[in-house]
Amino acid sequence: MNGLRETQSKYYSGTPKKLVLRIYNYVLKLRKEKNVGQRLIRKEINKKFGITISEATISGWIHHHNIPYNQERTQFKTKPKLEKKTLYDLYVKQKLSASDIGLKSKVSTIIVINWLRSYGIKVRTHKESMNTPQIKKELANLKLKRPLKKYKNLTLEKAYILGVLAGDGYINNKVIALEIRKDEEFIKEFTRCMEAVYGIKYIYVYKTNRNTFLFKVSAMLLSKDLLRYGTFRTMTWRVPQEILNSNNKKIISTFLKGLYDSDGWVSKYYVMILSGSRKGLIDVSKLLSKLGIENKFQQKKYPKLYINRKENLKLFKDMIGFTIKRKMYKLVNTYKLGW
């Protein structure tokens, strides 16, 4: 039992068990109600309880469903060993993984591996394990995770996603991702839109080592759906034809909001967007004109698109705006200058 206490103290710095469990429940509640990352949760714990819990521990509680002291329930109970014939049938004939056998037997993976070795049953290498039918099926199902909603139509949320992908977002035929250094409300809105379109609950994470927020999902069906709207490469992206040809001002405005959240910025007298894709910005200029917002295209080193004059900034503020609070705050104050 002393060994267990020593192990727990590494994570909780000698904090009493009851208090750790109180903090654990507080973390789950905070995550559910406010959907904040472990960095902010860590600060809230310190503020409320006066102690420090590491971000890695908080991340384990949130993302890996680690429960403090949960191992105490089984730490010293006898582990019934499977018979050799049963173990051989599960591992060799059925090709189940050691972890799956462990789940069935309610023991850890390492215990199953020790059983195999004690019976002289050859343990598969990592490469051999990845080639078993069960693992291949699980990986394929993960990549082909099916949306729970009808997702083919172009909705406001999908228009926002497409705007972000034309800007800061990343997509290939398997992965959709967004990584930003600040403006958590931006990645939160992108995550919300993905869930609204595809009906699957997603989360973004805070990467301590990079000091960034990251949304990343591997799903070929979702990638295939979004890529049918066009290309989103930095130097060659274009506004999807379905949006470019649309007369739905809400669809146009929401796509532009996603794009300007990504690449737009506000100066003292104008809103500007800079991009590597000249054709992409020419498309954006056409969309702004559809909304009655005058704009100026300029190209020196990189293509740029400007919106100035008070009446145009007001139209941009009212029809498009920003999800990002600091950009919206600056836009509102620019418009209030009275020039």
Protein backbone atom coordinates (compact mmCIF):
# COMPACT_ATOMS: atom_id res chain seq x y z
CA MET A 1 0.00 0.00 0.00
CA ASN A 2 2.91 2.35 0.67
CA GLY A 3 4.03 1.94 -2.93
CA LEU A 4 0.62 3.06 -4.11
CA ARG A 5 0.72 6.13 -1.89
CA GLU A 6 4.15 7.01 -3.22
CA THR A 7 2.88 6.70 -6.80
CA GLN A 8 -0.14 8.88 -6.12
CA SER A 9 1.98 11.55 -4.43
CA LYS A 10 3.94 12.02 -7.65
CA TYR A 11 0.72 13.18 -9.31
CA TYR A 12 -1.00 14.99 -6.48
CA SER A 13 1.95 16.29 -4.41
CA GLY A 14 0.72 14.85 -1.11
CA THR A 15 -2.76 16.37 -1.46
CA PRO A 16 -5.32 14.46 0.69
CA LYS A 17 -7.30 11.88 -1.23
CA LYS A 18 -10.71 13.45 -0.45
CA LEU A 19 -9.53 16.82 -1.72
CA VAL A 20 -8.14 15.27 -4.93
CA LEU A 21 -11.51 13.65 -5.59
CA ARG A 22 -13.28 16.98 -4.94
CA ILE A 23 -10.95 18.68 -7.42
CA TYR A 24 -11.51 15.89 -9.94
CA ASN A 25 -15.30 16.38 -9.79
CA TYR A 26 -14.81 20.15 -10.01
CA VAL A 27 -12.69 19.70 -13.16
CA LEU A 28 -15.33 17.55 -14.87
CA LYS A 29 -18.04 20.06 -13.98
CA LEU A 30 -15.95 23.00 -15.23
CA ARG A 31 -15.13 21.19 -18.47
CA LYS A 32 -18.79 20.30 -19.10
CA GLU A 33 -20.19 23.76 -18.31
CA LYS A 34 -17.52 25.98 -19.86
CA ASN A 35 -15.63 23.64 -22.24
CA VAL A 36 -12.28 25.19 -21.27
CA GLY A 37 -8.84 23.63 -21.72
CA GLN A 38 -6.57 22.19 -19.06
CA ARG A 39 -4.44 25.33 -18.85
CA LEU A 40 -7.38 27.49 -17.75
CA ILE A 41 -8.72 24.69 -15.53
CA ARG A 42 -5.32 24.52 -13.81
CA LYS A 43 -5.57 28.23 -12.99
CA GLU A 44 -9.12 27.83 -11.68
CA ILE A 45 -8.03 24.96 -9.40
CA ASN A 46 -5.20 27.06 -8.01
CA LYS A 47 -7.57 29.98 -7.44
CA LYS A 48 -10.30 27.88 -5.75
CA PHE A 49 -8.29 25.31 -3.79
CA GLY A 50 -4.88 26.98 -3.45
CA ILE A 51 -2.96 24.01 -4.85
CA THR A 52 -1.42 23.12 -8.22
CA ILE A 53 -2.36 20.08 -10.29
CA SER A 54 -0.28 19.47 -13.41
CA GLU A 55 -1.82 20.01 -16.84
CA ALA A 56 -0.84 16.46 -17.80
CA THR A 57 -2.90 15.06 -14.91
CA ILE A 58 -5.88 17.29 -15.78
CA SER A 59 -5.58 16.21 -19.42
CA GLY A 60 -5.68 12.56 -18.31
CA TRP A 61 -8.84 13.21 -16.30
CA ILE A 62 -10.56 14.97 -19.22
CA HIS A 63 -9.38 13.14 -22.33
CA HIS A 64 -8.41 9.65 -21.10
CA HIS A 65 -11.07 9.29 -18.38
CA ASN A 66 -8.44 8.59 -15.73
CA ILE A 67 -10.09 8.49 -12.30
CA PRO A 68 -7.92 9.31 -9.26
CA TYR A 69 -7.17 6.25 -7.10
CA ASN A 70 -9.30 4.05 -9.35
CA GLN A 71 -6.58 1.39 -9.40
CA GLU A 72 -7.00 0.86 -5.65
CA ARG A 73 -10.12 -1.19 -6.35
CA THR A 74 -8.13 -3.91 -8.09
CA GLN A 75 -4.58 -3.19 -7.01
CA PHE A 76 -4.22 -6.17 -4.65
CA LYS A 77 -6.92 -8.57 -5.78
CA THR A 78 -5.89 -11.93 -7.19
CA LYS A 79 -5.87 -12.00 -10.97
CA PRO A 80 -7.37 -15.31 -12.22
CA LYS A 81 -5.03 -16.66 -14.89
CA LEU A 82 -6.60 -17.93 -18.11
CA GLU A 83 -5.90 -21.51 -19.09
CA LYS A 84 -3.34 -22.01 -21.86
CA LYS A 85 -5.90 -23.48 -24.30
CA THR A 86 -8.29 -20.54 -23.79
CA LEU A 87 -5.51 -17.98 -24.11
CA TYR A 88 -4.10 -19.68 -27.23
CA ASP A 89 -7.54 -19.70 -28.84
CA LEU A 90 -8.15 -15.99 -28.15
CA TYR A 91 -4.67 -14.73 -29.04
CA VAL A 92 -3.53 -17.05 -31.84
CA LYS A 93 -6.68 -18.39 -33.49
CA GLN A 94 -9.05 -15.43 -33.02
CA LYS A 95 -6.14 -12.96 -33.26
CA LEU A 96 -7.46 -10.75 -30.46
CA SER A 97 -4.98 -8.23 -29.07
CA ALA A 98 -3.51 -8.54 -25.60
CA SER A 99 -5.39 -5.39 -24.59
CA ASP A 100 -8.73 -6.85 -25.79
CA ILE A 101 -8.07 -10.06 -23.87
CA GLY A 102 -7.19 -7.92 -20.86
CA LEU A 103 -10.52 -6.10 -21.09
CA LYS A 104 -12.38 -9.41 -21.29
CA SER A 105 -10.45 -10.80 -18.30
CA LYS A 106 -10.45 -7.49 -16.35
CA VAL A 107 -6.67 -7.38 -16.10
CA SER A 108 -3.99 -5.13 -17.57
CA THR A 109 -2.37 -5.72 -20.96
CA ILE A 110 1.02 -6.43 -19.37
CA ILE A 111 -0.51 -9.23 -17.27
CA VAL A 112 -1.87 -10.87 -20.43
CA ILE A 113 1.57 -10.57 -22.07
CA ASN A 114 3.15 -12.21 -19.00
CA TRP A 115 0.62 -15.05 -19.23
CA LEU A 116 1.50 -15.59 -22.89
CA ARG A 117 5.21 -15.70 -22.11
CA SER A 118 4.72 -18.06 -19.17
CA TYR A 119 2.90 -20.50 -21.50
CA GLY A 120 5.55 -20.14 -24.21
CA ILE A 121 3.09 -18.50 -26.64
CA LYS A 122 4.98 -16.13 -28.98
CA VAL A 123 3.99 -12.49 -28.42
CA ARG A 124 3.37 -10.54 -31.62
CA THR A 125 5.64 -7.64 -32.54
CA HIS A 126 4.07 -4.19 -32.97
CA LYS A 127 4.15 -4.57 -36.76
CA GLU A 128 2.49 -7.99 -36.56
CA SER A 129 -0.16 -6.60 -34.18
CA MET A 130 -1.06 -3.80 -36.58
CA ASN A 131 -1.66 -6.37 -39.33
CA THR A 132 -4.30 -8.38 -37.46
CA PRO A 133 -7.82 -8.29 -38.97
CA GLN A 134 -9.28 -6.79 -35.77
CA ILE A 135 -6.87 -3.83 -35.69
CA LYS A 136 -7.27 -3.21 -39.41
CA LYS A 137 -11.05 -3.15 -38.96
CA GLU A 138 -10.84 -0.77 -36.00
CA LEU A 139 -8.54 1.63 -37.88
CA ALA A 140 -10.77 1.55 -40.96
CA ASN A 141 -13.86 2.25 -38.84
CA LEU A 142 -12.10 5.18 -37.20
CA LYS A 143 -11.20 6.72 -40.55
CA LEU A 144 -14.67 6.02 -41.95
CA LYS A 145 -16.53 7.27 -38.88
CA ARG A 146 -19.95 8.00 -40.26
CA PRO A 147 -21.70 11.31 -39.64
CA LEU A 148 -24.87 11.05 -37.61
CA LYS A 149 -26.69 13.74 -39.60
CA LYS A 150 -27.49 14.45 -43.23
CA TYR A 151 -24.51 16.54 -44.21
CA LYS A 152 -24.52 16.98 -48.00
CA ASN A 153 -26.33 20.35 -48.05
CA LEU A 154 -24.51 23.66 -47.74
CA THR A 155 -25.55 25.09 -44.37
CA LEU A 156 -24.34 28.22 -42.57
CA GLU A 157 -22.09 26.09 -40.36
CA LYS A 158 -20.57 24.31 -43.35
CA ALA A 159 -20.00 27.67 -45.07
CA TYR A 160 -18.05 28.81 -41.98
CA ILE A 161 -15.95 25.61 -42.03
CA LEU A 162 -15.13 26.14 -45.72
CA GLY A 163 -14.09 29.74 -45.00
CA VAL A 164 -11.73 28.59 -42.24
CA LEU A 165 -10.24 25.89 -44.48
CA ALA A 166 -9.51 28.56 -47.09
CA GLY A 167 -7.66 30.44 -44.35
CA ASP A 168 -5.99 28.92 -41.27
CA GLY A 169 -7.51 25.44 -41.54
CA TYR A 170 -5.85 22.33 -42.95
CA ILE A 171 -7.38 19.46 -44.89
CA ASN A 172 -6.20 16.46 -46.90
CA ASN A 173 -8.04 13.31 -47.91
CA LYS A 174 -7.80 11.90 -44.37
CA VAL A 175 -7.37 14.75 -41.86
CA ILE A 176 -9.10 18.02 -40.96
CA ALA A 177 -7.24 20.29 -38.54
CA LEU A 178 -7.06 23.80 -37.12
CA GLU A 179 -4.25 24.98 -34.83
CA ILE A 180 -4.07 28.51 -33.39
CA ARG A 181 -1.96 30.23 -30.74
CA LYS A 182 -4.70 32.36 -29.19
CA ASP A 183 -8.37 33.33 -29.65
CA GLU A 184 -9.94 30.20 -28.14
CA GLU A 185 -13.40 31.41 -29.17
CA PHE A 186 -12.33 30.93 -32.80
CA ILE A 187 -11.44 27.24 -32.49
CA LYS A 188 -14.48 26.73 -30.25
CA GLU A 189 -16.76 28.04 -33.03
CA PHE A 190 -15.03 25.85 -35.64
CA THR A 191 -15.54 22.82 -33.38
CA ARG A 192 -19.20 23.73 -32.85
CA CYS A 193 -19.78 24.01 -36.61
CA MET A 194 -18.17 20.61 -37.26
CA GLU A 195 -20.50 19.03 -34.71
CA ALA A 196 -23.53 20.89 -36.12
CA VAL A 197 -22.80 19.66 -39.66
CA TYR A 198 -21.80 16.06 -38.96
CA GLY A 199 -23.54 15.28 -35.67
CA ILE A 200 -20.38 13.95 -34.03
CA LYS A 201 -19.10 15.33 -30.72
CA TYR A 202 -15.64 16.80 -31.18
CA ILE A 203 -13.20 18.44 -28.78
CA TYR A 204 -10.13 20.60 -29.25
CA VAL A 205 -7.12 20.38 -26.96
CA TYR A 206 -4.51 22.71 -25.58
CA LYS A 207 -0.95 21.64 -26.51
CA THR A 208 1.26 22.77 -23.64
CA ASN A 209 4.55 22.14 -25.45
CA ARG A 210 3.51 24.36 -28.37
CA ASN A 211 1.27 26.79 -26.48
CA THR A 212 -1.50 26.28 -29.05
CA PHE A 213 -5.09 25.13 -29.30
CA LEU A 214 -5.53 22.18 -31.65
CA PHE A 215 -8.56 20.64 -33.36
CA LYS A 216 -7.73 17.51 -35.34
CA VAL A 217 -9.90 14.71 -36.66
CA SER A 218 -9.05 11.78 -38.93
CA ALA A 219 -12.15 10.96 -40.94
CA MET A 220 -12.01 10.17 -44.66
CA LEU A 221 -15.76 10.60 -45.23
CA LEU A 222 -15.72 14.11 -43.76
CA SER A 223 -12.62 15.08 -45.74
CA LYS A 224 -14.19 13.72 -48.92
CA ASP A 225 -17.35 15.75 -48.31
CA LEU A 226 -15.48 19.03 -47.76
CA LEU A 227 -12.96 18.51 -50.57
CA ARG A 228 -15.77 18.14 -53.13
CA TYR A 229 -16.23 21.92 -52.77
CA GLY A 230 -12.76 22.58 -54.19
CA THR A 231 -9.13 23.08 -53.26
CA PHE A 232 -7.93 24.74 -50.06
CA ARG A 233 -4.17 24.92 -50.63
CA THR A 234 -2.50 28.12 -49.44
CA MET A 235 -1.40 29.38 -52.86
CA THR A 236 -4.25 28.04 -55.00
CA TRP A 237 -7.45 28.01 -52.92
CA ARG A 238 -10.63 29.34 -54.48
CA VAL A 239 -14.05 30.23 -53.13
CA PRO A 240 -16.25 27.14 -53.69
CA GLN A 241 -18.43 27.58 -56.78
CA GLU A 242 -21.60 26.83 -54.82
CA ILE A 243 -20.86 29.86 -52.63
CA LEU A 244 -19.51 32.06 -55.45
CA ASN A 245 -22.70 31.50 -57.46
CA SER A 246 -25.01 31.81 -54.47
CA ASN A 247 -27.38 34.72 -53.87
CA ASN A 248 -27.91 33.67 -50.26
CA LYS A 249 -26.35 36.56 -48.36
CA LYS A 250 -26.20 34.63 -45.08
CA ILE A 251 -24.22 31.80 -46.71
CA ILE A 252 -21.86 34.34 -48.31
CA SER A 253 -21.44 36.31 -45.07
CA THR A 254 -20.75 33.19 -42.98
CA PHE A 255 -18.12 31.90 -45.41
CA LEU A 256 -16.43 35.31 -45.31
CA LYS A 257 -16.55 35.36 -41.51
CA GLY A 258 -14.65 32.05 -41.39
CA LEU A 259 -12.08 33.40 -43.85
CA TYR A 260 -11.64 36.75 -42.10
CA ASP A 261 -11.44 35.07 -38.68
CA SER A 262 -8.48 33.19 -40.17
CA ASP A 263 -6.63 35.76 -42.28
CA GLY A 264 -8.32 39.13 -41.80
CA TRP A 265 -7.05 41.96 -39.66
CA VAL A 266 -8.18 45.43 -38.67
CA SER A 267 -6.09 48.58 -38.98
CA LYS A 268 -6.96 52.12 -37.93
CA TYR A 269 -8.86 52.93 -41.11
CA TYR A 270 -9.52 49.65 -42.91
CA VAL A 271 -10.09 45.91 -42.79
CA MET A 272 -7.61 43.93 -44.82
CA ILE A 273 -7.06 40.33 -45.86
CA LEU A 274 -3.76 39.04 -47.24
CA SER A 275 -3.39 35.68 -48.99
CA GLY A 276 -1.10 33.65 -51.20
CA SER A 277 -3.94 32.98 -53.66
CA ARG A 278 -4.60 35.85 -56.07
CA LYS A 279 -7.59 34.09 -57.65
CA GLY A 280 -8.97 33.32 -54.21
CA LEU A 281 -8.98 37.00 -53.22
CA ILE A 282 -10.54 38.02 -56.54
CA ASP A 283 -13.35 35.58 -55.70
CA VAL A 284 -13.66 37.17 -52.25
CA SER A 285 -13.88 40.61 -53.87
CA LYS A 286 -16.86 39.38 -55.91
CA LEU A 287 -18.58 38.09 -52.77
CA LEU A 288 -18.07 41.40 -50.96
CA SER A 289 -19.51 43.24 -53.96
CA LYS A 290 -22.59 40.99 -53.82
CA LEU A 291 -23.10 42.25 -50.27
CA GLY A 292 -22.71 45.84 -51.42
CA ILE A 293 -19.33 46.26 -49.71
CA GLU A 294 -16.86 48.23 -51.81
CA ASN A 295 -13.32 46.84 -51.75
CA LYS A 296 -9.95 47.37 -53.39
CA PHE A 297 -7.65 44.66 -54.71
CA GLN A 298 -3.90 45.28 -54.60
CA GLN A 299 -0.90 43.09 -55.36
CA LYS A 300 2.70 43.83 -54.56
CA LYS A 301 4.53 40.94 -52.95
CA TYR A 302 1.27 39.22 -51.95
CA PRO A 303 -2.33 39.82 -53.01
CA LYS A 304 -4.28 42.05 -50.59
CA LEU A 305 -7.90 43.12 -50.35
CA TYR A 306 -8.87 46.34 -48.55
CA ILE A 307 -12.18 47.58 -47.21
CA ASN A 308 -12.21 51.22 -46.13
CA ARG A 309 -14.60 54.17 -45.75
CA LYS A 310 -17.03 54.31 -42.88
CA GLU A 311 -20.11 53.07 -44.77
CA ASN A 312 -18.24 49.98 -46.01
CA LEU A 313 -16.83 49.20 -42.57
CA LYS A 314 -20.32 49.45 -41.11
CA LEU A 315 -21.66 47.02 -43.71
CA PHE A 316 -18.78 44.63 -42.99
CA LYS A 317 -19.41 44.90 -39.23
CA ASP A 318 -23.16 44.31 -39.55
CA MET A 319 -23.14 41.61 -42.25
CA ILE A 320 -19.89 39.70 -41.61
CA GLY A 321 -17.95 40.73 -38.50
CA PHE A 322 -15.60 38.48 -36.55
CA THR A 323 -16.01 35.57 -34.15
CA ILE A 324 -12.65 36.62 -32.67
CA LYS A 325 -13.35 39.10 -29.89
CA ARG A 326 -10.19 41.19 -30.19
CA LYS A 327 -10.73 41.71 -33.94
CA MET A 328 -14.39 42.60 -33.46
CA TYR A 329 -13.52 45.02 -30.65
CA LYS A 330 -10.98 46.76 -32.87
CA LEU A 331 -13.44 46.92 -35.78
CA VAL A 332 -16.15 48.49 -33.62
CA ASN A 333 -13.73 51.09 -32.28
CA THR A 334 -12.42 51.84 -35.78
CA TYR A 335 -15.95 52.46 -36.95
CA LYS A 336 -16.62 54.77 -33.98
CA LEU A 337 -13.76 57.10 -34.89
CA GLY A 338 -16.19 59.29 -36.82
CA TRP A 339 -14.00 60.02 -39.82
